[in-house]
C-alpha atoms as a PDB file:
ATOM      1  CA  MET A   1     -11.684  -3.073   3.496  1.00  0.00           C
ATOM      2  CA  LEU A   2     -13.311  -1.104   0.719  1.00  0.00           C
ATOM      3  CA  SER A   3     -14.143   1.962   2.843  1.00  0.00           C
ATOM      4  CA  ALA A   4     -10.563   2.217   4.104  1.00  0.00           C
ATOM      5  CA  LEU A   5      -9.213   1.993   0.535  1.00  0.00           C
ATOM      6  CA  LEU A   6     -11.644   4.640  -0.699  1.00  0.00           C
ATOM      7  CA  ASP A   7     -10.486   6.984   2.077  1.00  0.00           C
ATOM      8  CA  LEU A   8      -6.985   6.704   0.610  1.00  0.00           C
ATOM      9  CA  VAL A   9      -7.817   7.384  -3.048  1.00  0.00           C
ATOM     10  CA  LEU A  10     -10.870   9.669  -2.975  1.00  0.00           C
ATOM     11  CA  PRO A  11     -11.389  13.093  -1.402  1.00  0.00           C
ATOM     12  CA  PRO A  12     -12.740  12.347   2.068  1.00  0.00           C
ATOM     13  CA  ARG A  13     -16.227  13.166   3.240  1.00  0.00           C
ATOM     14  CA  CYS A  14     -16.994  13.988   6.852  1.00  0.00           C
ATOM     15  CA  ALA A  15     -18.218  10.884   8.667  1.00  0.00           C
ATOM     16  CA  GLY A  16     -20.441  13.101  10.801  1.00  0.00           C
ATOM     17  CA  CYS A  17     -22.312  15.113   8.151  1.00  0.00           C
ATOM     18  CA  GLY A  18     -21.142  13.950   4.714  1.00  0.00           C
ATOM     19  CA  GLU A  19     -19.603  17.267   3.695  1.00  0.00           C
ATOM     20  CA  PRO A  20     -16.495  16.878   1.467  1.00  0.00           C
ATOM     21  CA  GLY A  21     -13.054  17.957   2.534  1.00  0.00           C
ATOM     22  CA  ALA A  22     -12.203  16.119   5.775  1.00  0.00           C
ATOM     23  CA  LEU A  23     -12.667  12.809   7.562  1.00  0.00           C
ATOM     24  CA  VAL A  24     -14.400  14.811  10.300  1.00  0.00           C
ATOM     25  CA  CYS A  25     -15.119  18.475   9.717  1.00  0.00           C
ATOM     26  CA  PRO A  26     -14.369  21.090  12.409  1.00  0.00           C
ATOM     27  CA  LEU A  27     -18.054  21.590  13.231  1.00  0.00           C
ATOM     28  CA  CYS A  28     -18.660  17.877  13.767  1.00  0.00           C
ATOM     29  CA  LEU A  29     -15.460  17.543  15.803  1.00  0.00           C
ATOM     30  CA  GLU A  30     -16.610  20.429  17.985  1.00  0.00           C
ATOM     31  CA  GLU A  31     -19.972  18.692  18.426  1.00  0.00           C
ATOM     32  CA  ILE A  32     -18.330  15.414  19.431  1.00  0.00           C
ATOM     33  CA  LEU A  33     -15.863  16.935  21.881  1.00  0.00           C
ATOM     34  CA  ARG A  34     -18.535  19.018  23.586  1.00  0.00           C
ATOM     35  CA  GLU A  35     -17.095  18.816  27.052  1.00  0.00           C
ATOM     36  CA  PRO A  36     -15.447  15.790  28.675  1.00  0.00           C
ATOM     37  CA  ALA A  37     -17.468  15.052  31.796  1.00  0.00           C
ATOM     38  CA  ALA A  38     -18.635  12.297  34.101  1.00  0.00           C
ATOM     39  CA  ARG A  39     -21.652  10.753  32.347  1.00  0.00           C
ATOM     40  CA  PRO A  40     -22.565   7.594  34.243  1.00  0.00           C
ATOM     41  CA  PRO A  41     -25.666   5.581  33.415  1.00  0.00           C
ATOM     42  CA  ASP A  42     -28.583   6.097  35.766  1.00  0.00           C
ATOM     43  CA  PRO A  43     -28.822   3.907  37.725  1.00  0.00           C
ATOM     44  CA  PRO A  44     -25.229   2.663  37.535  1.00  0.00           C
ATOM     45  CA  PRO A  45     -24.676  -1.085  37.919  1.00  0.00           C
ATOM     46  CA  PRO A  46     -22.783  -2.333  40.986  1.00  0.00           C
ATOM     47  CA  GLY A  47     -19.043  -2.091  40.550  1.00  0.00           C
ATOM     48  CA  LEU A  48     -19.064   0.505  37.771  1.00  0.00           C
ATOM     49  CA  PRO A  49     -16.018   2.816  37.973  1.00  0.00           C
ATOM     50  CA  GLU A  50     -16.454   6.567  37.686  1.00  0.00           C
ATOM     51  CA  CYS A  51     -17.408   6.872  34.028  1.00  0.00           C
ATOM     52  CA  TRP A  52     -16.333   9.785  31.789  1.00  0.00           C
ATOM     53  CA  SER A  53     -17.092  10.502  28.146  1.00  0.00           C
ATOM     54  CA  ALA A  54     -16.637  13.267  25.593  1.00  0.00           C
ATOM     55  CA  THR A  55     -20.297  13.590  24.620  1.00  0.00           C
ATOM     56  CA  ARG A  56     -23.676  11.908  24.304  1.00  0.00           C
ATOM     57  CA  TYR A  57     -24.176   9.141  21.781  1.00  0.00           C
ATOM     58  CA  ASP A  58     -26.196  11.130  19.292  1.00  0.00           C
ATOM     59  CA  GLY A  59     -25.754  13.314  16.223  1.00  0.00           C
ATOM     60  CA  ALA A  60     -22.241  13.460  14.805  1.00  0.00           C
ATOM     61  CA  ALA A  61     -20.771  11.252  17.543  1.00  0.00           C
ATOM     62  CA  ARG A  62     -23.164   8.441  16.718  1.00  0.00           C
ATOM     63  CA  ARG A  63     -22.539   8.652  12.992  1.00  0.00           C
ATOM     64  CA  VAL A  64     -18.756   8.810  13.368  1.00  0.00           C
ATOM     65  CA  LEU A  65     -18.621   5.822  15.713  1.00  0.00           C
ATOM     66  CA  LEU A  66     -20.847   3.759  13.446  1.00  0.00           C
ATOM     67  CA  ALA A  67     -18.679   4.668  10.459  1.00  0.00           C
ATOM     68  CA  TYR A  68     -15.540   3.629  12.342  1.00  0.00           C
ATOM     69  CA  LYS A  69     -16.824   0.404  13.906  1.00  0.00           C
ATOM     70  CA  GLU A  70     -19.274  -0.974  11.383  1.00  0.00           C
ATOM     71  CA  ARG A  71     -18.483   0.638   8.030  1.00  0.00           C
ATOM     72  CA  GLY A  72     -14.763   0.202   7.779  1.00  0.00           C
ATOM     73  CA  ARG A  73     -13.639   3.828   8.099  1.00  0.00           C
ATOM     74  CA  THR A  74     -10.558   2.913  10.092  1.00  0.00           C
ATOM     75  CA  ALA A  75      -8.856   6.202   9.151  1.00  0.00           C
ATOM     76  CA  LEU A  76     -11.010   7.755  11.893  1.00  0.00           C
ATOM     77  CA  ALA A  77      -8.968   5.978  14.586  1.00  0.00           C
ATOM     78  CA  PRO A  78      -6.406   8.786  15.242  1.00  0.00           C
ATOM     79  CA  MET A  79      -9.165  11.343  15.753  1.00  0.00           C
ATOM     80  CA  LEU A  80     -11.039   9.048  18.154  1.00  0.00           C
ATOM     81  CA  SER A  81      -7.778   8.344  20.002  1.00  0.00           C
ATOM     82  CA  ALA A  82      -7.258  12.088  20.424  1.00  0.00           C
ATOM     83  CA  ILE A  83     -10.775  12.430  21.843  1.00  0.00           C
ATOM     84  CA  LEU A  84     -10.145   9.585  24.304  1.00  0.00           C
ATOM     85  CA  ALA A  85      -6.892  11.230  25.389  1.00  0.00           C
ATOM     86  CA  GLU A  86      -8.781  14.445  26.160  1.00  0.00           C
ATOM     87  CA  VAL A  87     -11.341  12.500  28.190  1.00  0.00           C
ATOM     88  CA  ALA A  88      -8.584  10.658  30.065  1.00  0.00           C
ATOM     89  CA  GLU A  89      -6.807  13.884  30.978  1.00  0.00           C
ATOM     90  CA  ALA A  90     -10.045  15.472  32.214  1.00  0.00           C
ATOM     91  CA  ALA A  91     -10.972  12.420  34.294  1.00  0.00           C
ATOM     92  CA  LEU A  92      -7.501  12.101  35.814  1.00  0.00           C
ATOM     93  CA  ALA A  93      -7.296  15.823  36.600  1.00  0.00           C
ATOM     94  CA  SER A  94     -10.674  15.717  38.329  1.00  0.00           C
ATOM     95  CA  ARG A  95      -9.637  12.733  40.411  1.00  0.00           C
ATOM     96  CA  ALA A  96      -6.282  14.304  41.310  1.00  0.00           C
ATOM     97  CA  CYS A  97      -8.052  17.513  42.334  1.00  0.00           C
ATOM     98  CA  ARG A  98     -10.356  15.616  44.686  1.00  0.00           C
ATOM     99  CA  GLU A  99      -7.752  13.300  46.152  1.00  0.00           C
ATOM    100  CA  GLY A 100      -4.590  15.394  45.868  1.00  0.00           C
ATOM    101  CA  GLY A 101      -1.315  14.524  44.219  1.00  0.00           C
ATOM    102  CA  SER A 102      -0.525  13.869  40.581  1.00  0.00           C
ATOM    103  CA  PRO A 103      -2.114  11.209  38.378  1.00  0.00           C
ATOM    104  CA  GLY A 104       1.039   9.089  38.149  1.00  0.00           C
ATOM    105  CA  PRO A 105       1.354   6.188  35.700  1.00  0.00           C
ATOM    106  CA  VAL A 106      -1.765   5.139  33.827  1.00  0.00           C
ATOM    107  CA  ALA A 107      -2.808   1.849  32.219  1.00  0.00           C
ATOM    108  CA  LEU A 108      -5.509   2.046  29.537  1.00  0.00           C
ATOM    109  CA  VAL A 109      -7.329  -1.301  29.442  1.00  0.00           C
ATOM    110  CA  PRO A 110      -9.602  -1.696  26.409  1.00  0.00           C
ATOM    111  CA  VAL A 111     -12.816  -3.691  26.624  1.00  0.00           C
ATOM    112  CA  PRO A 112     -12.515  -6.516  24.069  1.00  0.00           C
ATOM    113  CA  SER A 113     -14.986  -7.110  21.282  1.00  0.00           C
ATOM    114  CA  ALA A 114     -16.557 -10.512  20.805  1.00  0.00           C
ATOM    115  CA  ARG A 115     -14.461 -12.692  18.494  1.00  0.00           C
ATOM    116  CA  ALA A 116     -17.273 -12.916  15.945  1.00  0.00           C
ATOM    117  CA  ALA A 117     -17.630  -9.106  15.896  1.00  0.00           C
ATOM    118  CA  SER A 118     -13.876  -8.642  15.425  1.00  0.00           C
ATOM    119  CA  ARG A 119     -13.854 -11.087  12.527  1.00  0.00           C
ATOM    120  CA  ARG A 120     -16.837  -9.368  10.907  1.00  0.00           C
ATOM    121  CA  ARG A 121     -15.321  -5.905  11.267  1.00  0.00           C
ATOM    122  CA  GLY A 122     -11.806  -6.947  10.362  1.00  0.00           C
ATOM    123  CA  HIS A 123     -10.270  -4.869  13.155  1.00  0.00           C
ATOM    124  CA  ASP A 124     -10.307  -4.296  16.914  1.00  0.00           C
ATOM    125  CA  PRO A 125     -11.907  -0.843  17.159  1.00  0.00           C
ATOM    126  CA  VAL A 126     -11.524  -0.203  20.889  1.00  0.00           C
ATOM    127  CA  GLY A 127      -8.051  -1.719  21.184  1.00  0.00           C
ATOM    128  CA  VAL A 128      -6.737   0.470  18.372  1.00  0.00           C
ATOM    129  CA  ILE A 129      -8.034   3.758  19.763  1.00  0.00           C
ATOM    130  CA  ALA A 130      -6.944   2.872  23.315  1.00  0.00           C
ATOM    131  CA  ALA A 131      -3.386   2.291  22.073  1.00  0.00           C
ATOM    132  CA  GLY A 132      -3.480   5.581  20.177  1.00  0.00           C
ATOM    133  CA  ALA A 133      -4.723   7.451  23.233  1.00  0.00           C
ATOM    134  CA  ALA A 134      -1.939   5.992  25.394  1.00  0.00           C
ATOM    135  CA  GLU A 135       0.657   7.125  22.861  1.00  0.00           C
ATOM    136  CA  LEU A 136      -0.754  10.659  22.820  1.00  0.00           C
ATOM    137  CA  LEU A 137      -0.746  10.806  26.628  1.00  0.00           C
ATOM    138  CA  ARG A 138       2.924   9.763  26.677  1.00  0.00           C
ATOM    139  CA  ARG A 139       3.761  12.546  24.217  1.00  0.00           C
ATOM    140  CA  ARG A 140       2.130  14.977  26.645  1.00  0.00           C
ATOM    141  CA  GLY A 141       4.336  13.776  29.488  1.00  0.00           C
ATOM    142  CA  LEU A 142       1.978  11.348  31.224  1.00  0.00           C
ATOM    143  CA  PRO A 143       3.447   7.858  31.753  1.00  0.00           C
ATOM    144  CA  ALA A 144       0.703   5.834  30.060  1.00  0.00           C
ATOM    145  CA  VAL A 145       0.586   2.356  28.572  1.00  0.00           C
ATOM    146  CA  ALA A 146      -2.054   0.429  26.688  1.00  0.00           C
ATOM    147  CA  ALA A 147      -2.747  -2.840  28.499  1.00  0.00           C
ATOM    148  CA  PRO A 148      -4.959  -5.101  26.334  1.00  0.00           C
ATOM    149  CA  VAL A 149      -5.252  -7.755  29.021  1.00  0.00           C
ATOM    150  CA  LEU A 150      -8.976  -8.533  28.943  1.00  0.00           C
ATOM    151  CA  ARG A 151     -10.379 -11.461  26.981  1.00  0.00           C
ATOM    152  CA  GLN A 152     -13.860 -12.847  26.586  1.00  0.00           C
ATOM    153  CA  GLY A 153     -13.896 -16.114  28.504  1.00  0.00           C
ATOM    154  CA  ARG A 154     -17.190 -17.287  27.029  1.00  0.00           C
ATOM    155  CA  ARG A 155     -19.689 -16.369  24.365  1.00  0.00           C
ATOM    156  CA  VAL A 156     -22.307 -13.752  25.176  1.00  0.00           C
ATOM    157  CA  ALA A 157     -25.565 -12.927  23.439  1.00  0.00           C
ATOM    158  CA  ASP A 158     -26.113  -9.809  21.353  1.00  0.00           C
ATOM    159  CA  GLN A 159     -26.685  -6.938  23.797  1.00  0.00           C
ATOM    160  CA  ALA A 160     -28.998  -4.921  21.524  1.00  0.00           C
ATOM    161  CA  GLY A 161     -32.484  -4.618  22.972  1.00  0.00           C
ATOM    162  CA  LEU A 162     -31.599  -6.056  26.382  1.00  0.00           C
ATOM    163  CA  SER A 163     -32.561  -4.251  29.571  1.00  0.00           C
ATOM    164  CA  SER A 164     -29.913  -3.276  32.101  1.00  0.00           C
ATOM    165  CA  THR A 165     -30.746  -6.350  34.207  1.00  0.00           C
ATOM    166  CA  GLN A 166     -30.567  -8.642  31.195  1.00  0.00           C
ATOM    167  CA  ARG A 167     -27.254  -7.129  30.081  1.00  0.00           C
ATOM    168  CA  ALA A 168     -25.732  -7.682  33.501  1.00  0.00           C
ATOM    169  CA  ALA A 169     -26.872 -11.331  33.498  1.00  0.00           C
ATOM    170  CA  ASN A 170     -25.628 -11.827  29.941  1.00  0.00           C
ATOM    171  CA  LEU A 171     -22.148 -10.517  30.812  1.00  0.00           C
ATOM    172  CA  ARG A 172     -21.715 -12.099  34.246  1.00  0.00           C
ATOM    173  CA  GLU A 173     -18.248 -13.716  34.511  1.00  0.00           C
ATOM    174  CA  ALA A 174     -17.752 -13.084  30.767  1.00  0.00           C
ATOM    175  CA  PHE A 175     -14.279 -11.491  30.953  1.00  0.00           C
ATOM    176  CA  THR A 176     -10.975 -12.889  32.081  1.00  0.00           C
ATOM    177  CA  VAL A 177      -7.541 -11.302  32.425  1.00  0.00           C
ATOM    178  CA  VAL A 178      -4.396 -12.515  30.694  1.00  0.00           C
ATOM    179  CA  ARG A 179      -2.116 -13.012  33.672  1.00  0.00           C
ATOM    180  CA  ARG A 180       1.107 -12.176  31.838  1.00  0.00           C
ATOM    181  CA  ARG A 181       0.310  -8.456  32.152  1.00  0.00           C
ATOM    182  CA  THR A 182      -2.437  -7.052  34.358  1.00  0.00           C
ATOM    183  CA  GLY A 183      -1.724  -3.351  33.958  1.00  0.00           C
ATOM    184  CA  ALA A 184      -1.449  -2.986  37.745  1.00  0.00           C
ATOM    185  CA  ALA A 185       2.210  -2.030  37.601  1.00  0.00           C
ATOM    186  CA  GLY A 186       3.223   1.327  36.248  1.00  0.00           C
ATOM    187  CA  PRO A 187       5.587   1.699  33.305  1.00  0.00           C
ATOM    188  CA  SER A 188       8.523   2.143  35.662  1.00  0.00           C
ATOM    189  CA  GLY A 189       7.432  -0.687  37.965  1.00  0.00           C
ATOM    190  CA  SER A 190       7.806   1.628  40.956  1.00  0.00           C
ATOM    191  CA  ARG A 191       4.213   2.714  41.416  1.00  0.00           C
ATOM    192  CA  ALA A 192       0.891   1.040  40.723  1.00  0.00           C
ATOM    193  CA  ALA A 193      -0.812   2.461  37.665  1.00  0.00           C
ATOM    194  CA  THR A 194      -4.231   4.046  37.671  1.00  0.00           C
ATOM    195  CA  VAL A 195      -6.343   1.720  35.548  1.00  0.00           C
ATOM    196  CA  LEU A 196      -8.660   3.377  33.050  1.00  0.00           C
ATOM    197  CA  LEU A 197     -11.063   1.017  31.352  1.00  0.00           C
ATOM    198  CA  VAL A 198     -11.677   2.075  27.746  1.00  0.00           C
ATOM    199  CA  ASP A 199     -14.721   1.518  25.537  1.00  0.00           C
ATOM    200  CA  ASP A 200     -16.291   3.401  22.665  1.00  0.00           C
ATOM    201  CA  ILE A 201     -19.795   3.770  24.170  1.00  0.00           C
ATOM    202  CA  VAL A 202     -21.375   3.271  27.581  1.00  0.00           C
ATOM    203  CA  THR A 203     -25.066   2.371  27.655  1.00  0.00           C
ATOM    204  CA  THR A 204     -26.190   0.599  30.829  1.00  0.00           C
ATOM    205  CA  GLY A 205     -22.642   0.247  32.178  1.00  0.00           C
ATOM    206  CA  ALA A 206     -22.937  -3.553  32.434  1.00  0.00           C
ATOM    207  CA  THR A 207     -19.953  -4.194  30.137  1.00  0.00           C
ATOM    208  CA  LEU A 208     -17.644  -1.805  31.984  1.00  0.00           C
ATOM    209  CA  ALA A 209     -18.778  -3.144  35.380  1.00  0.00           C
ATOM    210  CA  GLU A 210     -17.973  -6.721  34.311  1.00  0.00           C
ATOM    211  CA  ALA A 211     -14.607  -5.614  32.897  1.00  0.00           C
ATOM    212  CA  ALA A 212     -13.823  -3.834  36.169  1.00  0.00           C
ATOM    213  CA  ARG A 213     -14.679  -6.981  38.140  1.00  0.00           C
ATOM    214  CA  ALA A 214     -12.241  -9.051  36.090  1.00  0.00           C
ATOM    215  CA  VAL A 215      -9.385  -6.569  36.484  1.00  0.00           C
ATOM    216  CA  ARG A 216     -10.017  -6.106  40.215  1.00  0.00           C
ATOM    217  CA  GLU A 217      -9.632  -9.845  40.727  1.00  0.00           C
ATOM    218  CA  THR A 218      -5.943  -9.383  39.866  1.00  0.00           C
ATOM    219  CA  GLY A 219      -5.581  -6.994  42.801  1.00  0.00           C
ATOM    220  CA  ALA A 220      -5.594  -3.811  40.724  1.00  0.00           C
ATOM    221  CA  GLU A 221      -7.806  -0.864  41.533  1.00  0.00           C
ATOM    222  CA  VAL A 222     -10.103   0.350  38.751  1.00  0.00           C
ATOM    223  CA  PRO A 223     -11.288   3.863  39.650  1.00  0.00           C
ATOM    224  CA  LEU A 224     -12.094   5.196  36.180  1.00  0.00           C
ATOM    225  CA  ALA A 225     -13.629   4.281  32.842  1.00  0.00           C
ATOM    226  CA  ILE A 226     -13.513   6.453  29.717  1.00  0.00           C
ATOM    227  CA  THR A 227     -15.552   6.311  26.512  1.00  0.00           C
ATOM    228  CA  VAL A 228     -16.055   8.482  23.463  1.00  0.00           C
ATOM    229  CA  ALA A 229     -19.809   8.728  24.036  1.00  0.00           C
ATOM    230  CA  ALA A 230     -22.534   7.888  26.546  1.00  0.00           C
ATOM    231  CA  THR A 231     -25.995   6.723  25.556  1.00  0.00           C
ATOM    232  CA  ALA A 232     -28.865   8.580  27.175  1.00  0.00           C
ATOM    233  CA  ARG A 233     -30.732   5.982  29.202  1.00  0.00           C
ATOM    234  CA  ARG A 234     -34.171   4.988  27.973  1.00  0.00           C
ATOM    235  CA  ARG A 235     -37.080   3.755  30.032  1.00  0.00           C
ATOM    236  CA  GLU A 236     -37.342  -0.013  30.335  1.00  0.00           C
ATOM    237  CA  LYS A 237     -40.523  -0.068  28.239  1.00  0.00           C
ATOM    238  CA  ASP A 238     -38.652   1.551  25.333  1.00  0.00           C
ATOM    239  CA  ARG A 239     -35.745  -0.896  25.309  1.00  0.00           C
ATOM    240  CA  GLY A 240     -37.379  -3.620  23.269  1.00  0.00           C
ATOM    241  CA  ARG A 241     -36.534  -1.970  19.956  1.00  0.00           C
ATOM    242  CA  ARG A 242     -33.733  -4.262  18.881  1.00  0.00           C
ATOM    243  CA  GLY A 243     -30.955  -2.628  16.939  1.00  0.00           C
ATOM    244  CA  GLU A 244     -32.393   0.867  17.345  1.00  0.00           C
ATOM    245  CA  LYS A 245     -29.054   2.487  18.046  1.00  0.00           C
ATOM    246  CA  ASP A 246     -27.487   0.958  14.941  1.00  0.00           C
ATOM    247  CA  ARG A 247     -30.043   2.286  12.442  1.00  0.00           C
ATOM    248  CA  LEU A 248     -29.705   5.717  10.911  1.00  0.00           C
ATOM    249  CA  PRO A 249     -33.062   7.509  10.756  1.00  0.00           C
ATOM    250  CA  ARG A 250     -33.689   9.361   7.534  1.00  0.00           C
ATOM    251  CA  SER A 251     -33.318  12.745   9.206  1.00  0.00           C
ATOM    252  CA  ASP A 252     -29.935  11.603  10.581  1.00  0.00           C
ATOM    253  CA  THR A 253     -28.432  10.577   7.261  1.00  0.00           C
ATOM    254  CA  PRO A 254     -24.995  12.102   6.468  1.00  0.00           C
ATOM    255  CA  GLY A 255     -24.988  14.507   3.556  1.00  0.00           C
ATOM    256  CA  ARG A 256     -27.502  16.989   4.863  1.00  0.00           C
ATOM    257  CA  ARG A 257     -25.739  19.877   6.556  1.00  0.00           C
ATOM    258  CA  ARG A 258     -27.066  20.793   9.970  1.00  0.00           C
ATOM    259  CA  SER A 259     -27.623  24.418  10.859  1.00  0.00           C
ATOM    260  CA  ARG A 260     -25.792  25.445  14.024  1.00  0.00           C
ATOM    261  CA  ARG A 261     -25.823  28.618  15.917  1.00  0.00           C
END
């Protein structure tokens, strides 16, 4: 893709603010990785695992994710993988603290994109960063594997502009699991892995809840979901603005440096 080629031959500009010198500048990276925390939608849909993210889906996080997913800046994948690894470690540590013991083996299960979206983008954005996060966790001593076992079993409508109820109906029974590898067994085969569902953004939680349902039907437990960012929930009356999250307002356009204290 053109954007990926330009990243190789031209001095990079920050995907978060447009400043030259780095794919993501230190200030934008600091803004994105504000503090990994549980950020579930409110109200959460039935069956949603405990949901953790690095930040809210706004500012630099929003611009970076749009650049990666929709504008071909695939060179951002390692940085997003590193952010997901931080979120995974924080979520697992919190769970271990509450329940005792060590995290044990971990299976990162990415939520699949629709086939049409993957063809349009030319890559699998969530699958790539989930695999990168699993590799980083292994380097840090945590037995982690990427388990891309989910598939879309049927076509679903575009989720933009749908309410939480409509999203849940749109996604009902949408995912299936490839039976050759469920992710329920740990890398050593001796202990069941903790399944972490992985997505880039959580909005209403309907997608992650449906993914969790599909994985649980294999007999695996799905206690956690991790994302890069979490969308602040809007009131139902404000949700009819189709495509709002995918448009950059003029004041949010990269290239204008933000003042930060």
